[in-house]
Amino acid sequence: MPELVTIKRRVTSSDGFGGIRTDTPLTIATDVPARITQAQVQIMYGQASRALELEKWSVRVPHGTNLQDEDFVIWGDLTLQVEDVKDRSWDTCVSARAEIVK
């Protein structure tokens, strides 16, 4: 796998008043080998003919890597948020669909 990425995960804690607070994302792993490819670009038109461009990315990391839905994958200047980790025990890698965080 030609790229190296960092995986981060949101951490929540009590706010002391019965609610939860989202803390700074915790680094789960660094220098993880990965293959990242752009899977799809979709343009949607909403109100007032404004275009909304959605970019979907495919992320593959070695089998056994701790990657979960809503994790952040940092690849250079690009930050992707994982939407869906494919769960197949026979795979040789962990595959996920992600979207750019802006």
Protein backbone atom coordinates (compact mmCIF):
# COMPACT_ATOMS: atom_id res chain seq x y z
CA MET A 1 0.00 0.00 0.00
CA PRO A 2 1.69 3.18 -1.19
CA GLU A 3 0.41 5.86 1.22
CA LEU A 4 0.89 6.39 4.96
CA VAL A 5 -1.99 7.77 7.03
CA THR A 6 -2.84 8.68 10.61
CA ILE A 7 -6.06 7.43 12.19
CA LYS A 8 -7.80 9.57 14.82
CA ARG A 9 -10.97 8.93 16.82
CA ARG A 10 -13.37 11.30 18.57
CA VAL A 11 -13.42 10.93 22.32
CA THR A 12 -16.36 11.95 24.48
CA SER A 13 -16.43 12.67 28.19
CA SER A 14 -18.90 13.90 30.76
CA ASP A 15 -19.48 17.64 30.90
CA GLY A 16 -20.28 17.36 34.62
CA PHE A 17 -23.92 18.35 34.11
CA GLY A 18 -25.37 15.10 32.74
CA GLY A 19 -24.35 15.69 29.14
CA ILE A 20 -21.39 14.73 27.02
CA ARG A 21 -18.57 16.78 25.59
CA THR A 22 -16.57 15.95 22.46
CA ASP A 23 -12.87 16.27 23.17
CA THR A 24 -9.94 16.63 20.79
CA PRO A 25 -9.65 13.53 18.58
CA LEU A 26 -7.28 10.90 19.96
CA THR A 27 -4.57 9.48 17.68
CA ILE A 28 -5.19 5.73 17.30
CA ALA A 29 -2.36 4.92 14.87
CA THR A 30 0.30 6.70 12.83
CA ASP A 31 2.16 5.72 9.66
CA VAL A 32 -0.50 3.15 8.72
CA PRO A 33 0.00 1.81 5.17
CA ALA A 34 -3.05 2.65 3.08
CA ARG A 35 -4.47 2.91 -0.40
CA ILE A 36 -6.79 5.87 -0.89
CA THR A 37 -8.72 6.44 -4.09
CA GLN A 38 -11.52 8.75 -5.07
CA ALA A 39 -14.57 6.56 -5.47
CA GLN A 40 -17.24 8.99 -6.59
CA VAL A 41 -18.02 12.66 -7.16
CA GLN A 42 -21.67 13.58 -6.99
CA ILE A 43 -23.12 17.02 -7.62
CA MET A 44 -26.51 17.79 -6.12
CA TYR A 45 -28.52 20.92 -6.80
CA GLY A 46 -30.49 22.37 -3.91
CA GLN A 47 -32.32 25.58 -3.22
CA ALA A 48 -31.51 28.59 -5.39
CA SER A 49 -29.66 26.31 -7.82
CA ARG A 50 -26.69 26.04 -5.48
CA ALA A 51 -24.48 23.10 -6.30
CA LEU A 52 -23.37 20.79 -3.51
CA GLU A 53 -20.46 18.58 -4.45
CA LEU A 54 -20.01 15.36 -2.49
CA GLU A 55 -16.75 13.49 -2.80
CA LYS A 56 -16.64 9.87 -1.68
CA TRP A 57 -13.32 8.17 -1.11
CA SER A 58 -12.30 4.54 -0.73
CA VAL A 59 -9.84 3.78 2.08
CA ARG A 60 -8.02 0.46 2.41
CA VAL A 61 -5.70 -0.38 5.32
CA PRO A 62 -4.12 -3.70 6.36
CA HIS A 63 -6.36 -6.39 7.85
CA GLY A 64 -6.51 -6.05 11.64
CA THR A 65 -6.19 -2.25 11.65
CA ASN A 66 -8.47 -0.66 14.24
CA LEU A 67 -10.68 1.46 11.95
CA GLN A 68 -14.26 2.34 12.91
CA ASP A 69 -17.14 4.39 11.54
CA GLU A 70 -16.67 8.14 12.21
CA ASP A 71 -12.87 7.83 12.57
CA PHE A 72 -10.71 10.42 10.84
CA VAL A 73 -8.07 9.34 8.32
CA ILE A 74 -5.44 12.03 7.80
CA TRP A 75 -3.51 11.75 4.55
CA GLY A 76 -1.21 14.72 3.99
CA ASP A 77 -3.40 17.84 3.98
CA LEU A 78 -6.58 15.83 3.39
CA THR A 79 -8.79 14.73 6.29
CA LEU A 80 -11.39 12.05 5.55
CA GLN A 81 -14.15 10.93 7.89
CA VAL A 82 -15.03 7.25 7.68
CA GLU A 83 -18.71 6.62 6.93
CA ASP A 84 -18.84 2.87 6.57
CA VAL A 85 -16.30 0.17 7.40
CA LYS A 86 -16.94 -3.02 5.45
CA ASP A 87 -17.08 -5.98 7.83
CA ARG A 88 -15.83 -9.15 6.13
CA SER A 89 -13.71 -11.62 8.06
CA TRP A 90 -12.15 -13.14 4.92
CA ASP A 91 -10.73 -9.88 3.58
CA THR A 92 -7.00 -9.23 3.30
CA CYS A 93 -7.55 -5.55 4.13
CA VAL A 94 -10.06 -3.32 5.90
CA SER A 95 -12.11 -1.35 3.38
CA ALA A 96 -14.12 1.76 4.19
CA ARG A 97 -16.00 4.55 2.46
CA ALA A 98 -15.12 8.09 3.60
CA GLU A 99 -15.96 11.73 2.93
CA ILE A 100 -13.78 14.85 3.05
CA VAL A 101 -14.00 16.92 6.23
CA LYS A 102 -14.16 20.64 5.43
